[in-house]
Structure formats: structure tokens, C-alpha cells
Protein backbone atom coordinates (compact mmCIF):
# COMPACT_ATOMS: atom_id res chain seq x y z
CA MET A 1 13.78 -1.50 -8.77
CA THR A 2 10.66 -3.10 -7.33
CA LEU A 3 7.59 -1.33 -5.98
CA TRP A 4 5.97 -2.87 -2.92
CA ALA A 5 2.65 -1.39 -1.84
CA ILE A 6 0.46 -2.25 1.12
CA LEU A 7 -3.12 -1.00 0.98
CA ASP A 8 -5.56 -1.08 3.87
CA GLU A 9 -8.63 -3.12 2.91
CA GLY A 10 -10.77 -0.09 3.73
CA VAL A 11 -9.51 1.78 0.66
CA LEU A 12 -10.95 -0.96 -1.55
CA ALA A 13 -14.41 -0.57 -0.04
CA ARG A 14 -14.61 3.15 0.71
CA PRO A 15 -16.19 4.97 -2.25
CA THR A 16 -14.08 7.83 -3.51
CA GLY A 17 -16.03 8.20 -6.74
CA SER A 18 -18.85 6.56 -8.62
CA GLU A 19 -19.20 2.78 -8.76
CA ALA A 20 -17.74 2.87 -12.28
CA VAL A 21 -14.71 4.83 -11.07
CA MET A 22 -14.18 2.41 -8.18
CA ALA A 23 -14.46 -0.62 -10.50
CA GLU A 24 -11.94 0.99 -12.84
CA GLN A 25 -9.55 1.67 -9.96
CA MET A 26 -9.76 -1.95 -8.77
CA ALA A 27 -9.13 -3.19 -12.33
CA HIS A 28 -6.14 -0.86 -12.56
CA LEU A 29 -4.70 -2.20 -9.28
CA ALA A 30 -5.17 -5.77 -10.51
CA ALA A 31 -3.43 -4.92 -13.80
CA LEU A 32 -0.53 -3.24 -11.97
CA ASP A 33 -0.03 -6.30 -9.82
CA GLU A 34 0.56 -8.43 -12.93
CA HIS A 35 3.80 -6.52 -13.54
CA PRO A 36 6.75 -8.59 -12.26
CA ARG A 37 8.27 -5.62 -10.40
CA ILE A 38 5.09 -4.45 -8.69
CA ASN A 39 3.79 -6.24 -5.61
CA ILE A 40 0.52 -5.10 -4.05
CA ARG A 41 -0.61 -6.50 -0.72
CA VAL A 42 -3.79 -5.80 1.22
CA LEU A 43 -3.85 -5.38 4.98
CA PRO A 44 -7.14 -7.08 5.93
CA HIS A 45 -9.79 -5.68 8.26
CA SER A 46 -9.09 -8.67 10.52
CA SER A 47 -5.63 -7.30 11.35
CA TRP A 48 -5.42 -5.43 14.61
CA LEU A 49 -2.36 -3.57 13.36
CA THR A 50 -2.91 0.18 13.02
CA THR A 51 0.65 1.06 12.02
CA GLY A 52 0.52 3.08 8.83
CA LEU A 53 -3.05 4.27 9.24
CA GLN A 54 -1.86 7.66 10.46
CA GLY A 55 -0.46 8.57 7.05
CA ALA A 56 1.25 7.29 3.96
CA PHE A 57 4.96 6.69 3.73
CA VAL A 58 7.46 5.71 1.06
CA LEU A 59 10.81 4.02 1.65
CA ALA A 60 13.31 4.61 -1.15
CA GLY A 61 16.90 3.82 -1.88
CA GLY A 62 19.22 3.16 -4.74
CA PRO A 63 22.81 2.95 -5.89
CA GLY A 64 24.84 5.95 -4.80
CA MET A 65 22.14 7.43 -2.60
CA PRO A 66 21.21 7.02 1.05
CA ASP A 67 18.04 5.23 2.06
CA MET A 68 15.30 7.79 2.56
CA VAL A 69 11.73 7.93 3.74
CA TYR A 70 8.87 10.21 2.74
CA LEU A 71 6.34 10.64 5.53
CA GLU A 72 2.93 12.16 4.92
CA SER A 73 0.37 13.35 7.41
CA ILE A 74 -2.85 15.29 7.04
CA THR A 75 -0.95 18.60 7.19
CA ILE A 76 2.58 17.98 5.92
CA GLY A 77 4.87 15.79 3.85
CA GLN A 78 8.50 15.33 4.85
CA ILE A 79 11.54 13.62 3.31
CA THR A 80 14.39 12.49 5.53
CA ALA A 81 17.55 10.42 5.21
CA ASP A 82 18.00 10.28 9.00
CA SER A 83 19.12 6.68 9.52
CA ALA A 84 17.24 6.26 12.82
CA ARG A 85 13.98 7.49 11.26
CA VAL A 86 14.47 5.32 8.16
CA ARG A 87 15.15 2.28 10.35
CA GLU A 88 12.04 2.97 12.45
CA VAL A 89 9.83 3.27 9.35
CA ARG A 90 11.38 0.14 7.82
CA LEU A 91 10.48 -1.82 10.98
CA LYS A 92 6.91 -0.54 10.83
CA TYR A 93 6.72 -1.49 7.15
CA GLU A 94 7.91 -5.01 8.00
CA MET A 95 5.15 -5.25 10.61
CA LEU A 96 2.57 -4.26 7.98
CA HIS A 97 4.04 -6.63 5.41
CA ASN A 98 3.90 -9.53 7.86
CA GLU A 99 0.20 -8.84 8.59
CA ALA A 100 -0.82 -8.28 4.98
CA LEU A 101 -2.47 -10.94 2.87
CA PRO A 102 -0.17 -12.87 0.54
CA ARG A 103 0.11 -11.53 -3.01
CA ARG A 104 -2.38 -13.95 -4.61
CA ALA A 105 -4.95 -13.51 -1.84
CA SER A 106 -4.56 -9.73 -2.12
CA LEU A 107 -5.08 -9.86 -5.88
CA GLN A 108 -8.14 -12.08 -5.44
CA LEU A 109 -9.64 -9.61 -2.95
CA ILE A 110 -8.97 -6.70 -5.33
CA ARG A 111 -10.70 -8.61 -8.16
CA GLU A 112 -13.66 -9.42 -5.89
CA MET A 113 -13.98 -5.74 -5.02
CA ALA A 114 -13.85 -4.84 -8.72
CA GLU A 115 -16.82 -7.16 -9.28
CA LYS A 116 -18.65 -5.70 -6.29
CA TRP A 117 -18.24 -2.21 -7.69
CA THR A 118 -19.33 -3.40 -11.14
CA ASN A 119 -22.63 -4.90 -9.90
């Protein structure tokens, strides 16, 4: 199993704790991305794509189970195996993936943000 994550660049810059906490979070993301089965990409501010900004989602599947999607909004989380909904979310994910920075550029940006939060 491989984990693919796309983070909006804003979450790297928006403080959600002290500078030390933010630096630690960036270092943790960079360390996670070194794992061969974890791939973190950053959707840059320069992208006009807003798909995915309305809430988090997770696509999941595996042997002997249907593909599913977990959708999260500000008020509710929902899991569905509805094939039309899963297909729609998968297409939106592909749009995000295509707009995201490549893996190395994403990792470089995360490391730069870690330094910014350290200074």
C-alpha cells in the first residue's frame, strides 16, 4: 500500500502553533516523504485549482474490498463505496495531482518552510 498526499501550500505557511511547532511539523513531513511508500506533493499558490479546498478526502481500496472514499466537510465526515461518487472524487484527485509540484520540488518547499519557521 502506498500513501499519496496532496497538501495545499497554504498549510505550510499558516501558523497552527508556535514557530517551533511549525518547524517540527515541516521536519516531520520531510521525514515522512523519505519513506518509499509515502509520496507528499504540494499544490502551489500559483495553481488556480480550488478542487479539494472545500474539505479533506481519502480514497482507499484493497484486495477483497470495494474502492471507497471518505469525504470531510466542516460539519460532517462520510464514507461511501458508491462507485459514481468514488469515480468523481478520483477524477478530482487526478486534477489536483496534475497541478501539484513534483515530489522533489514539494520536498524542497517543505524543507524551505521548515527553515523559515526555524528562523
